[in-house]
Protein backbone atom coordinates (compact mmCIF):
# COMPACT_ATOMS: atom_id res chain seq x y z
CA MET A 1 -12.17 -42.73 16.39
CA ALA A 2 -10.01 -40.29 17.85
CA ARG A 3 -7.04 -39.52 15.36
CA LEU A 4 -3.70 -40.68 15.86
CA GLY A 5 -0.22 -38.60 16.61
CA ARG A 6 0.36 -34.65 17.08
CA ASP A 7 -0.19 -32.48 14.23
CA PHE A 8 2.35 -29.43 14.31
CA ILE A 9 0.65 -26.86 12.02
CA ALA A 10 2.90 -23.97 10.66
CA ARG A 11 1.94 -20.90 8.37
CA HIS A 12 4.43 -20.08 5.58
CA GLY A 13 6.95 -17.57 5.78
CA GLU A 14 6.41 -13.98 4.50
CA THR A 15 6.28 -13.72 0.62
CA VAL A 16 7.14 -10.66 -1.72
CA PHE A 17 3.27 -10.55 -2.10
CA ASN A 18 2.47 -9.90 1.76
CA ALA A 19 5.49 -7.14 1.63
CA ALA A 20 3.91 -5.76 -1.62
CA ARG A 21 0.36 -5.53 0.66
CA ARG A 22 -1.06 -8.09 -2.60
CA LEU A 23 -3.45 -10.78 -2.43
CA GLN A 24 -1.73 -13.84 -3.17
CA GLY A 25 -4.29 -16.50 -2.42
CA ASP A 26 -3.90 -19.84 -4.10
CA HIS A 27 -1.26 -18.40 -6.49
CA ALA A 28 1.35 -21.20 -6.65
CA HIS A 29 4.42 -19.73 -6.50
CA THR A 30 5.10 -16.34 -4.74
CA PRO A 31 8.48 -16.61 -3.22
CA LEU A 32 9.89 -15.74 0.70
CA THR A 33 11.47 -12.53 1.69
CA ARG A 34 14.41 -12.36 3.73
CA ALA A 35 11.84 -11.88 6.48
CA GLY A 36 10.11 -15.09 5.31
CA PHE A 37 13.29 -17.34 5.42
CA ALA A 38 14.18 -15.67 9.08
CA GLN A 39 10.89 -16.76 10.11
CA ALA A 40 11.07 -20.41 8.72
CA ASP A 41 14.61 -20.16 10.92
CA GLU A 42 13.09 -19.35 13.96
CA MET A 43 10.11 -21.90 13.45
CA GLY A 44 12.91 -24.26 12.87
CA ARG A 45 14.82 -23.43 15.62
CA ALA A 46 11.59 -23.62 17.99
CA LEU A 47 10.60 -27.05 16.54
CA ARG A 48 14.08 -28.34 17.22
CA ASP A 49 14.00 -27.51 20.69
CA HIS A 50 10.65 -29.10 21.17
CA LEU A 51 10.96 -32.15 19.13
CA GLY A 52 14.87 -32.53 19.22
CA ALA A 53 16.76 -33.99 15.83
CA ARG A 54 15.65 -36.38 13.50
CA PRO A 55 12.11 -37.04 15.36
CA LYS A 56 9.47 -39.05 13.72
CA LEU A 57 7.62 -36.66 11.44
CA THR A 58 5.48 -36.99 8.34
CA LEU A 59 6.12 -33.94 6.57
CA TRP A 60 3.25 -32.29 4.80
CA SER A 61 2.73 -29.38 2.86
CA SER A 62 0.59 -27.13 0.50
CA ASN A 63 1.97 -27.64 -3.12
CA THR A 64 2.74 -23.83 -3.04
CA GLY A 65 6.18 -22.53 -3.67
CA ARG A 66 6.18 -20.62 -0.54
CA ALA A 67 5.05 -23.25 1.61
CA LEU A 68 7.82 -25.56 0.31
CA GLN A 69 10.28 -22.96 0.78
CA THR A 70 9.33 -22.65 4.28
CA LEU A 71 9.27 -26.52 4.92
CA ALA A 72 12.81 -26.71 3.25
CA VAL A 73 14.46 -24.53 5.92
CA ILE A 74 12.46 -26.04 9.06
CA ALA A 75 13.51 -29.83 7.54
CA GLU A 76 17.18 -28.57 7.69
CA HIS A 77 16.76 -27.69 11.35
CA LEU A 78 15.22 -30.97 12.38
CA GLU A 79 17.82 -33.03 10.21
CA LEU A 80 14.88 -34.83 8.18
CA ASP A 81 14.77 -35.27 4.39
CA TRP A 82 12.52 -32.61 2.52
CA HIS A 83 12.28 -34.77 -0.65
CA GLY A 84 10.23 -37.38 1.53
CA ALA A 85 7.83 -34.50 1.89
CA ARG A 86 4.08 -35.56 1.21
CA HIS A 87 2.45 -32.41 -1.00
CA ASP A 88 -1.59 -31.91 -1.01
CA PRO A 89 -3.28 -29.26 -2.71
CA ARG A 90 -5.99 -29.57 0.00
CA LEU A 91 -4.11 -27.77 2.27
CA THR A 92 -3.15 -24.66 -0.02
CA GLU A 93 -4.58 -21.22 0.65
CA ILE A 94 -8.06 -19.93 0.33
CA GLY A 95 -9.26 -19.66 -3.74
CA THR A 96 -9.42 -15.74 -4.33
CA GLY A 97 -11.36 -15.78 -8.00
CA VAL A 98 -11.21 -12.66 -9.33
CA TRP A 99 -9.02 -11.03 -6.75
CA GLY A 100 -6.15 -12.82 -6.85
CA GLY A 101 -2.90 -10.95 -7.24
CA ARG A 102 -4.48 -7.67 -6.83
CA TYR A 103 -3.28 -4.87 -4.48
CA TYR A 104 -5.27 -4.68 -1.40
CA ALA A 105 -5.71 -0.85 -1.85
CA GLU A 106 -6.87 -1.42 -5.23
CA LEU A 107 -9.60 -3.83 -3.86
CA ALA A 108 -10.85 -1.59 -1.29
CA ALA A 109 -11.56 1.15 -3.25
CA GLU A 110 -13.34 -1.30 -5.99
CA TYR A 111 -15.22 -3.49 -3.55
CA GLY A 112 -15.03 -1.60 -0.09
CA GLU A 113 -13.36 -3.38 2.80
CA VAL A 114 -12.44 -6.98 1.76
CA VAL A 115 -10.90 -8.21 5.04
CA ALA A 116 -13.31 -8.77 7.82
CA ALA A 117 -13.12 -8.81 11.91
CA GLY A 118 -10.55 -10.96 12.73
CA GLY A 119 -8.10 -10.71 9.60
CA LEU A 120 -10.47 -12.61 7.62
CA LEU A 121 -10.87 -12.36 3.75
CA ARG A 122 -14.04 -11.79 2.63
CA VAL A 123 -15.19 -14.29 0.18
CA ALA A 124 -14.50 -12.66 -3.53
CA PRO A 125 -16.34 -13.08 -7.14
CA GLU A 126 -15.78 -16.48 -8.19
CA GLY A 127 -13.71 -17.36 -4.83
CA GLU A 128 -13.76 -20.20 -2.41
CA TYR A 129 -16.15 -20.15 0.11
CA TYR A 130 -15.52 -20.95 3.91
CA HIS A 131 -17.37 -24.22 4.14
CA GLU A 132 -15.68 -25.35 0.78
CA ILE A 133 -12.63 -25.05 2.95
CA ALA A 134 -13.52 -27.04 5.43
CA LYS A 135 -14.69 -29.89 2.83
CA ARG A 136 -10.95 -29.82 1.63
CA VAL A 137 -9.29 -29.70 4.83
CA GLY A 138 -11.78 -31.95 6.35
CA ALA A 139 -10.79 -34.68 3.72
CA TRP A 140 -7.43 -34.59 4.17
CA LEU A 141 -7.94 -35.54 7.86
CA ALA A 142 -9.80 -38.17 7.17
CA ASP A 143 -7.49 -39.34 4.85
CA THR A 144 -4.70 -39.06 7.69
CA ASP A 145 -6.26 -40.05 10.65
CA ASP A 146 -4.62 -43.55 11.11
CA ASP A 147 -1.21 -42.21 10.15
CA ALA A 148 1.56 -43.74 12.54
CA GLY A 149 3.43 -41.05 14.71
CA ASP A 150 2.89 -37.05 14.40
CA ARG A 151 2.76 -35.07 10.99
CA LEU A 152 4.59 -31.56 10.59
CA VAL A 153 1.95 -29.46 8.15
CA ILE A 154 3.23 -26.51 6.38
CA MET A 155 -0.06 -23.99 5.26
CA HIS A 156 -1.41 -20.89 4.90
CA GLY A 157 -3.13 -18.29 6.88
CA ILE A 158 -6.41 -18.78 6.25
CA SER A 159 -6.75 -22.40 5.31
CA SER A 160 -5.10 -23.02 8.75
CA ARG A 161 -7.26 -21.28 10.57
CA VAL A 162 -10.16 -23.72 9.23
CA LEU A 163 -7.99 -26.72 9.54
CA ARG A 164 -7.20 -25.60 13.21
CA GLY A 165 -11.11 -24.68 14.14
CA VAL A 166 -12.08 -28.39 12.29
CA MET A 167 -9.92 -29.69 14.64
CA THR A 168 -10.53 -28.35 17.83
CA GLY A 169 -14.11 -27.90 17.61
CA CYS A 170 -14.52 -24.18 17.34
CA ASP A 171 -18.00 -22.20 17.23
CA VAL A 172 -18.98 -21.54 13.81
CA HIS A 173 -18.01 -18.46 12.81
CA PRO A 174 -21.30 -15.68 12.67
CA GLU A 175 -20.62 -14.62 9.18
CA PHE A 176 -18.52 -17.73 7.02
CA GLU A 177 -20.82 -20.47 8.73
CA THR A 178 -17.58 -22.64 9.26
CA PRO A 179 -15.32 -23.35 12.28
CA VAL A 180 -12.59 -20.84 12.21
CA ALA A 181 -9.79 -21.12 15.21
CA GLY A 182 -8.20 -17.44 16.18
CA GLY A 183 -5.05 -15.68 13.90
CA LEU A 184 -1.59 -15.95 14.53
CA PRO A 185 0.92 -14.23 12.83
CA GLN A 186 3.21 -15.42 9.94
CA GLY A 187 6.17 -18.06 11.25
CA SER A 188 3.71 -19.43 13.95
CA VAL A 189 3.28 -23.00 15.11
CA VAL A 190 0.89 -24.68 17.18
CA MET A 191 0.46 -28.25 18.00
CA ILE A 192 -2.84 -30.10 18.20
CA GLU A 193 -3.39 -33.55 20.16
CA ALA A 194 -6.71 -34.75 20.97
CA GLY A 195 -8.64 -31.92 19.71
CA ILE A 196 -6.34 -29.77 22.22
CA GLU A 197 -4.06 -26.80 20.55
CA THR A 198 -0.94 -25.71 22.55
CA VAL A 199 1.22 -22.75 20.50
CA ILE A 200 4.46 -23.52 20.26
CA HIS A 201 5.84 -20.57 18.76
CA THR A 202 4.53 -17.23 18.09
CA GLY A 203 5.88 -15.78 14.85
CA THR A 204 7.07 -12.12 13.72
CA GLY A 205 5.19 -12.05 10.54
CA ARG A 206 1.79 -10.43 9.54
CA ALA A 207 -1.38 -10.81 11.64
CA PRO A 208 -3.96 -12.55 12.26
CA ALA A 209 -5.18 -13.94 8.69
């Protein structure tokens, strides 16, 4: 059965970890920077232009602070109630194991290059594999396939690429053995309808993770 409705999938805005070049992964709360709030504003304006005020959207978010902060700004633009959003840990970022919270420069000196071609993070010791991300976001998809209406989903760079890859039937990545969509900068929004992706807004943040 085809998935009902449209999915608007967005990356959260820049955080203090992003600005400092620290790996945040599944950290619960890394606050947005001023640039991150500006990116959330841009996404809110783009979605307002596309959908109008008070659209019939189910609000979804990763349960991390940065995603919820981003959603708060976007919801204000759309005149929707942030308090009605649904939070799901299956939408959070890749688990980064022993690398979590460390500076990229330190990790490169100790482990070699930790970012693969195309901006994808290599699997950390005790970290999460890409097929595990696909399993959890796939479970979220299965639970929401029959939802009436459209959804706005605020999540993260790598986990959103896996979700988008699964939804649009991307080729399996040769290194990570999982469908992975192309990278977009922080502050970007796509729409997926019937397996077809359209970019609604290209953000100004870091790319392409």
